[in-house]
Amino acid sequence: MKVVLSFVPPGGGETDFQLEFDLPALPQPGDYISVRREDAKEPRLGTEDFIVRRTWWGLTYPNSAPCTSPDRPTPGKLDAAYVECEFAEGPYSSEAHKKACAMYEARGRGKREFDPSMY
């Protein structure tokens, strides 16, 4: 499933950037997401970490009819599922990602952190 992850400040707001992924399922609110950039100089040195906030569904319907009927089966389609993700600091966050989290905190946006229970 094509999923667009949209990365926003803690508490929501304007999208900082987006990445598209092919995922087997839709991330759910509260899920933790860690992105490792393969083209980074040292990809093992850290991740970009986020907590899922909500999902936005982009749908298209083929006509302006108020409803479908058995004699006019006109299903709509999914354009994209947009998953809004808040910046968060995880135990393996890269230095650049930690700086972005600190910048949001300094601007009064708060700070989100991964619960260290799994680490």
N, C-alpha and C. Protein backbone atom coordinates (compact mmCIF):
# COMPACT_ATOMS: atom_id res chain seq x y z
N MET A 1 0.85 -1.18 0.00
CA MET A 1 0.00 0.00 0.00
C MET A 1 0.89 1.24 0.00
N LYS A 2 0.59 2.16 -0.92
CA LYS A 2 1.32 3.42 -0.96
C LYS A 2 0.87 4.28 0.22
N VAL A 3 1.83 4.70 1.04
CA VAL A 3 1.55 5.53 2.21
C VAL A 3 2.52 6.72 2.18
N VAL A 4 1.97 7.92 2.34
CA VAL A 4 2.79 9.12 2.43
C VAL A 4 2.88 9.51 3.89
N LEU A 5 4.09 9.51 4.42
CA LEU A 5 4.31 9.97 5.79
C LEU A 5 4.58 11.46 5.74
N SER A 6 3.81 12.21 6.51
CA SER A 6 3.91 13.66 6.56
C SER A 6 4.43 14.03 7.95
N PHE A 7 5.58 14.69 8.02
CA PHE A 7 6.25 14.95 9.29
C PHE A 7 5.98 16.37 9.76
N VAL A 8 5.39 16.48 10.95
CA VAL A 8 4.95 17.76 11.51
C VAL A 8 5.59 17.98 12.89
N PRO A 9 5.57 19.22 13.38
CA PRO A 9 6.08 19.49 14.72
C PRO A 9 5.25 18.78 15.79
N PRO A 10 5.80 18.61 16.99
CA PRO A 10 5.00 18.08 18.09
C PRO A 10 3.74 18.94 18.28
N GLY A 11 2.61 18.28 18.42
CA GLY A 11 1.33 18.99 18.55
C GLY A 11 0.66 19.27 17.23
N GLY A 12 1.33 18.96 16.11
CA GLY A 12 0.76 19.18 14.79
C GLY A 12 1.14 20.52 14.22
N GLY A 13 0.74 20.74 13.00
CA GLY A 13 1.05 21.99 12.33
C GLY A 13 1.48 21.75 10.90
N GLU A 14 2.15 22.74 10.32
CA GLU A 14 2.57 22.67 8.93
C GLU A 14 3.58 21.54 8.72
N THR A 15 3.43 20.84 7.62
CA THR A 15 4.32 19.74 7.27
C THR A 15 5.73 20.25 7.03
N ASP A 16 6.70 19.60 7.69
CA ASP A 16 8.11 19.92 7.49
C ASP A 16 8.59 19.25 6.20
N PHE A 17 8.30 17.96 6.04
CA PHE A 17 8.61 17.25 4.80
C PHE A 17 7.77 15.97 4.75
N GLN A 18 7.77 15.32 3.57
CA GLN A 18 7.00 14.09 3.36
C GLN A 18 7.89 13.06 2.69
N LEU A 19 7.63 11.78 3.00
CA LEU A 19 8.28 10.66 2.33
C LEU A 19 7.22 9.63 1.97
N GLU A 20 7.36 9.02 0.80
CA GLU A 20 6.41 8.00 0.37
C GLU A 20 7.03 6.62 0.59
N PHE A 21 6.22 5.70 1.10
CA PHE A 21 6.67 4.33 1.36
C PHE A 21 5.65 3.35 0.82
N ASP A 22 6.11 2.14 0.53
CA ASP A 22 5.24 1.02 0.21
C ASP A 22 5.21 0.16 1.47
N LEU A 23 4.09 0.19 2.20
CA LEU A 23 3.99 -0.49 3.49
C LEU A 23 2.95 -1.62 3.44
N PRO A 24 3.14 -2.65 4.26
CA PRO A 24 2.18 -3.75 4.28
C PRO A 24 0.89 -3.42 5.03
N ALA A 25 0.92 -2.38 5.85
CA ALA A 25 -0.26 -1.97 6.63
C ALA A 25 -0.14 -0.49 6.94
N LEU A 26 -1.24 0.08 7.38
CA LEU A 26 -1.27 1.50 7.72
C LEU A 26 -0.83 1.70 9.16
N PRO A 27 0.18 2.56 9.41
CA PRO A 27 0.55 2.86 10.80
C PRO A 27 -0.63 3.47 11.55
N GLN A 28 -0.72 3.15 12.83
CA GLN A 28 -1.83 3.59 13.68
C GLN A 28 -1.38 4.69 14.64
N PRO A 29 -2.32 5.55 15.09
CA PRO A 29 -1.95 6.58 16.07
C PRO A 29 -1.22 5.96 17.27
N GLY A 30 -0.13 6.62 17.64
CA GLY A 30 0.69 6.14 18.75
C GLY A 30 1.84 5.25 18.32
N ASP A 31 1.83 4.75 17.08
CA ASP A 31 2.93 3.92 16.60
C ASP A 31 4.21 4.74 16.51
N TYR A 32 5.33 4.07 16.72
CA TYR A 32 6.65 4.68 16.59
C TYR A 32 7.19 4.35 15.20
N ILE A 33 7.77 5.35 14.54
CA ILE A 33 8.38 5.15 13.23
C ILE A 33 9.80 5.67 13.29
N SER A 34 10.74 4.85 12.84
CA SER A 34 12.15 5.25 12.73
C SER A 34 12.56 5.09 11.28
N VAL A 35 13.11 6.15 10.72
CA VAL A 35 13.56 6.15 9.34
C VAL A 35 15.08 6.20 9.33
N ARG A 36 15.67 5.23 8.64
CA ARG A 36 17.12 5.19 8.45
C ARG A 36 17.39 5.55 7.00
N ARG A 37 18.25 6.53 6.79
CA ARG A 37 18.56 6.98 5.43
C ARG A 37 19.75 6.19 4.90
N GLU A 38 19.52 5.37 3.89
CA GLU A 38 20.57 4.52 3.34
C GLU A 38 21.69 5.31 2.68
N ASP A 39 21.39 6.50 2.17
CA ASP A 39 22.42 7.27 1.48
C ASP A 39 23.21 8.18 2.41
N ALA A 40 22.93 8.13 3.70
CA ALA A 40 23.69 8.94 4.66
C ALA A 40 25.13 8.46 4.70
N LYS A 41 26.05 9.38 5.04
CA LYS A 41 27.46 9.01 5.14
C LYS A 41 27.65 7.81 6.05
N GLU A 42 27.02 7.87 7.18
CA GLU A 42 27.12 6.80 8.17
C GLU A 42 25.70 6.44 8.61
N PRO A 43 24.96 5.64 7.82
CA PRO A 43 23.56 5.36 8.16
C PRO A 43 23.37 4.68 9.51
N ARG A 44 24.38 4.02 10.00
CA ARG A 44 24.25 3.34 11.29
C ARG A 44 24.32 4.30 12.47
N LEU A 45 24.60 5.59 12.19
CA LEU A 45 24.77 6.56 13.27
C LEU A 45 23.49 7.20 13.75
N GLY A 46 22.37 6.79 13.25
CA GLY A 46 21.14 7.35 13.79
C GLY A 46 19.96 7.29 12.85
N THR A 47 18.82 7.56 13.45
CA THR A 47 17.55 7.50 12.74
C THR A 47 16.81 8.82 12.91
N GLU A 48 15.77 8.97 12.09
CA GLU A 48 14.82 10.06 12.26
C GLU A 48 13.59 9.39 12.86
N ASP A 49 13.12 9.90 13.99
CA ASP A 49 12.09 9.20 14.76
C ASP A 49 10.83 10.06 14.91
N PHE A 50 9.68 9.36 14.83
CA PHE A 50 8.40 10.04 14.81
C PHE A 50 7.34 9.20 15.52
N ILE A 51 6.29 9.87 15.99
CA ILE A 51 5.14 9.19 16.59
C ILE A 51 3.92 9.54 15.74
N VAL A 52 3.19 8.51 15.33
CA VAL A 52 2.02 8.71 14.46
C VAL A 52 0.93 9.47 15.21
N ARG A 53 0.41 10.51 14.56
CA ARG A 53 -0.62 11.37 15.14
C ARG A 53 -2.01 11.01 14.61
N ARG A 54 -2.17 10.95 13.29
CA ARG A 54 -3.47 10.63 12.67
C ARG A 54 -3.25 10.26 11.22
N THR A 55 -4.32 9.77 10.59
CA THR A 55 -4.28 9.43 9.17
C THR A 55 -5.27 10.30 8.42
N TRP A 56 -4.85 10.77 7.26
CA TRP A 56 -5.70 11.53 6.36
C TRP A 56 -5.87 10.67 5.11
N TRP A 57 -7.11 10.44 4.70
CA TRP A 57 -7.40 9.61 3.54
C TRP A 57 -7.69 10.49 2.33
N GLY A 58 -6.97 10.28 1.23
CA GLY A 58 -7.22 10.99 -0.02
C GLY A 58 -7.98 10.07 -0.95
N LEU A 59 -9.26 10.37 -1.19
CA LEU A 59 -10.13 9.52 -1.99
C LEU A 59 -10.62 10.26 -3.23
N THR A 60 -10.90 9.51 -4.30
CA THR A 60 -11.48 10.06 -5.53
C THR A 60 -12.71 9.25 -5.87
N TYR A 61 -13.78 9.97 -6.25
CA TYR A 61 -14.99 9.29 -6.70
C TYR A 61 -15.23 9.69 -8.15
N PRO A 62 -15.66 8.75 -9.03
CA PRO A 62 -15.70 9.02 -10.46
C PRO A 62 -16.81 9.96 -10.95
N ASN A 63 -17.79 10.28 -10.11
CA ASN A 63 -18.85 11.17 -10.58
C ASN A 63 -19.47 11.90 -9.40
N SER A 64 -20.47 12.75 -9.71
CA SER A 64 -21.09 13.56 -8.65
C SER A 64 -22.40 12.98 -8.14
N ALA A 65 -22.71 11.73 -8.47
CA ALA A 65 -23.94 11.09 -7.98
C ALA A 65 -23.91 11.04 -6.46
N PRO A 66 -25.07 11.23 -5.81
CA PRO A 66 -25.10 11.24 -4.35
C PRO A 66 -24.87 9.87 -3.72
N CYS A 67 -25.04 8.80 -4.51
CA CYS A 67 -24.83 7.45 -3.97
C CYS A 67 -24.68 6.46 -5.11
N THR A 68 -24.27 5.25 -4.76
CA THR A 68 -24.19 4.20 -5.76
C THR A 68 -25.46 3.35 -5.70
N SER A 69 -25.69 2.64 -6.76
CA SER A 69 -26.83 1.72 -6.79
C SER A 69 -26.37 0.43 -7.50
N PRO A 70 -27.11 -0.67 -7.32
CA PRO A 70 -26.71 -1.93 -7.95
C PRO A 70 -26.57 -1.84 -9.47
N ASP A 71 -27.39 -1.00 -10.11
CA ASP A 71 -27.31 -0.88 -11.57
C ASP A 71 -26.24 0.12 -12.02
N ARG A 72 -25.67 0.86 -11.08
CA ARG A 72 -24.58 1.79 -11.39
C ARG A 72 -23.42 1.59 -10.40
N PRO A 73 -22.75 0.44 -10.44
CA PRO A 73 -21.65 0.23 -9.51
C PRO A 73 -20.44 1.09 -9.90
N THR A 74 -20.20 2.11 -9.16
CA THR A 74 -19.11 3.04 -9.47
C THR A 74 -18.26 3.24 -8.21
N PRO A 75 -17.42 2.29 -7.91
CA PRO A 75 -16.62 2.46 -6.70
C PRO A 75 -15.58 3.57 -6.85
N GLY A 76 -15.31 4.19 -5.75
CA GLY A 76 -14.25 5.19 -5.71
C GLY A 76 -12.91 4.49 -5.53
N LYS A 77 -11.85 5.31 -5.39
CA LYS A 77 -10.53 4.72 -5.21
C LYS A 77 -9.71 5.55 -4.23
N LEU A 78 -8.70 4.91 -3.71
CA LEU A 78 -7.76 5.55 -2.80
C LEU A 78 -6.67 6.22 -3.62
N ASP A 79 -6.49 7.52 -3.45
CA ASP A 79 -5.37 8.23 -4.08
C ASP A 79 -4.12 8.02 -3.25
N ALA A 80 -4.24 8.28 -1.95
CA ALA A 80 -3.11 8.09 -1.04
C ALA A 80 -3.61 8.15 0.39
N ALA A 81 -2.92 7.45 1.24
CA ALA A 81 -3.15 7.55 2.68
C ALA A 81 -2.00 8.38 3.23
N TYR A 82 -2.34 9.50 3.85
CA TYR A 82 -1.34 10.40 4.43
C TYR A 82 -1.32 10.16 5.94
N VAL A 83 -0.17 9.79 6.45
CA VAL A 83 -0.03 9.52 7.87
C VAL A 83 0.77 10.66 8.49
N GLU A 84 0.11 11.41 9.36
CA GLU A 84 0.73 12.56 10.03
C GLU A 84 1.57 12.04 11.20
N CYS A 85 2.85 12.40 11.19
CA CYS A 85 3.80 11.91 12.19
C CYS A 85 4.49 13.08 12.86
N GLU A 86 4.51 13.08 14.20
CA GLU A 86 5.17 14.14 14.95
C GLU A 86 6.64 13.80 15.21
N PHE A 87 7.49 14.80 15.11
CA PHE A 87 8.90 14.62 15.45
C PHE A 87 9.00 14.13 16.90
N ALA A 88 9.86 13.16 17.12
CA ALA A 88 10.10 12.63 18.46
C ALA A 88 11.56 12.23 18.57
N GLU A 89 12.05 12.19 19.79
CA GLU A 89 13.42 11.74 20.01
C GLU A 89 13.40 10.30 20.48
N GLY A 90 14.16 9.47 19.79
CA GLY A 90 14.28 8.06 20.15
C GLY A 90 15.68 7.77 20.65
N PRO A 91 15.90 6.57 21.15
CA PRO A 91 17.21 6.23 21.70
C PRO A 91 18.32 6.19 20.65
N TYR A 92 17.96 6.08 19.37
CA TYR A 92 18.97 6.03 18.31
C TYR A 92 18.85 7.19 17.34
N SER A 93 18.23 8.28 17.76
CA SER A 93 18.07 9.44 16.89
C SER A 93 19.43 10.00 16.49
N SER A 94 19.52 10.42 15.22
CA SER A 94 20.75 11.04 14.72
C SER A 94 20.92 12.41 15.39
N GLU A 95 22.13 12.91 15.33
CA GLU A 95 22.39 14.24 15.92
C GLU A 95 21.57 15.31 15.21
N ALA A 96 21.45 15.22 13.90
CA ALA A 96 20.65 16.20 13.15
C ALA A 96 19.19 16.14 13.57
N HIS A 97 18.67 14.94 13.81
CA HIS A 97 17.27 14.81 14.23
C HIS A 97 17.08 15.36 15.64
N LYS A 98 18.04 15.10 16.53
CA LYS A 98 17.96 15.65 17.89
C LYS A 98 17.94 17.17 17.85
N LYS A 99 18.72 17.77 16.95
CA LYS A 99 18.74 19.23 16.82
C LYS A 99 17.38 19.74 16.35
N ALA A 100 16.75 19.03 15.42
CA ALA A 100 15.42 19.44 14.95
C ALA A 100 14.41 19.36 16.10
N CYS A 101 14.47 18.31 16.90
CA CYS A 101 13.57 18.17 18.06
C CYS A 101 13.80 19.30 19.06
N ALA A 102 15.08 19.63 19.30
CA ALA A 102 15.42 20.71 20.23
C ALA A 102 14.92 22.06 19.70
N MET A 103 14.99 22.27 18.39
CA MET A 103 14.51 23.51 17.78
C MET A 103 13.00 23.65 18.01
N TYR A 104 12.25 22.57 17.79
CA TYR A 104 10.80 22.63 18.02
C TYR A 104 10.51 22.90 19.50
N GLU A 105 11.26 22.27 20.38
CA GLU A 105 11.05 22.49 21.82
C GLU A 105 11.34 23.94 22.18
N ALA A 106 12.42 24.52 21.63
CA ALA A 106 12.78 25.91 21.91
C ALA A 106 11.71 26.88 21.39
N ARG A 107 10.98 26.49 20.37
CA ARG A 107 9.91 27.32 19.82
C ARG A 107 8.59 27.10 20.55
N GLY A 108 8.63 26.34 21.64
CA GLY A 108 7.43 26.13 22.44
C GLY A 108 6.50 25.04 21.93
N ARG A 109 6.98 24.18 21.05
CA ARG A 109 6.14 23.12 20.49
C ARG A 109 6.13 21.86 21.35
N GLY A 110 6.91 21.86 22.41
CA GLY A 110 6.98 20.68 23.26
C GLY A 110 7.97 19.67 22.72
N LYS A 111 8.04 18.56 23.41
CA LYS A 111 8.98 17.51 23.00
C LYS A 111 8.31 16.16 23.14
N ARG A 112 8.38 15.35 22.10
CA ARG A 112 7.88 13.97 22.14
C ARG A 112 9.09 13.06 22.22
N GLU A 113 8.94 11.99 22.98
CA GLU A 113 10.03 11.03 23.13
C GLU A 113 9.48 9.61 23.09
N PHE A 114 10.28 8.70 22.56
CA PHE A 114 9.91 7.29 22.59
C PHE A 114 10.01 6.79 24.03
N ASP A 115 9.07 5.96 24.42
CA ASP A 115 9.14 5.28 25.70
C ASP A 115 10.29 4.26 25.60
N PRO A 116 11.21 4.27 26.53
CA PRO A 116 12.37 3.37 26.42
C PRO A 116 12.09 1.92 26.80
N SER A 117 10.83 1.51 26.88
CA SER A 117 10.49 0.19 27.37
C SER A 117 11.06 -0.95 26.53
N MET A 118 11.25 -0.74 25.23
CA MET A 118 11.73 -1.82 24.38
C MET A 118 13.26 -1.89 24.34
N TYR A 119 13.94 -0.87 24.78
CA TYR A 119 15.38 -0.78 24.58
C TYR A 119 16.16 -1.21 25.79
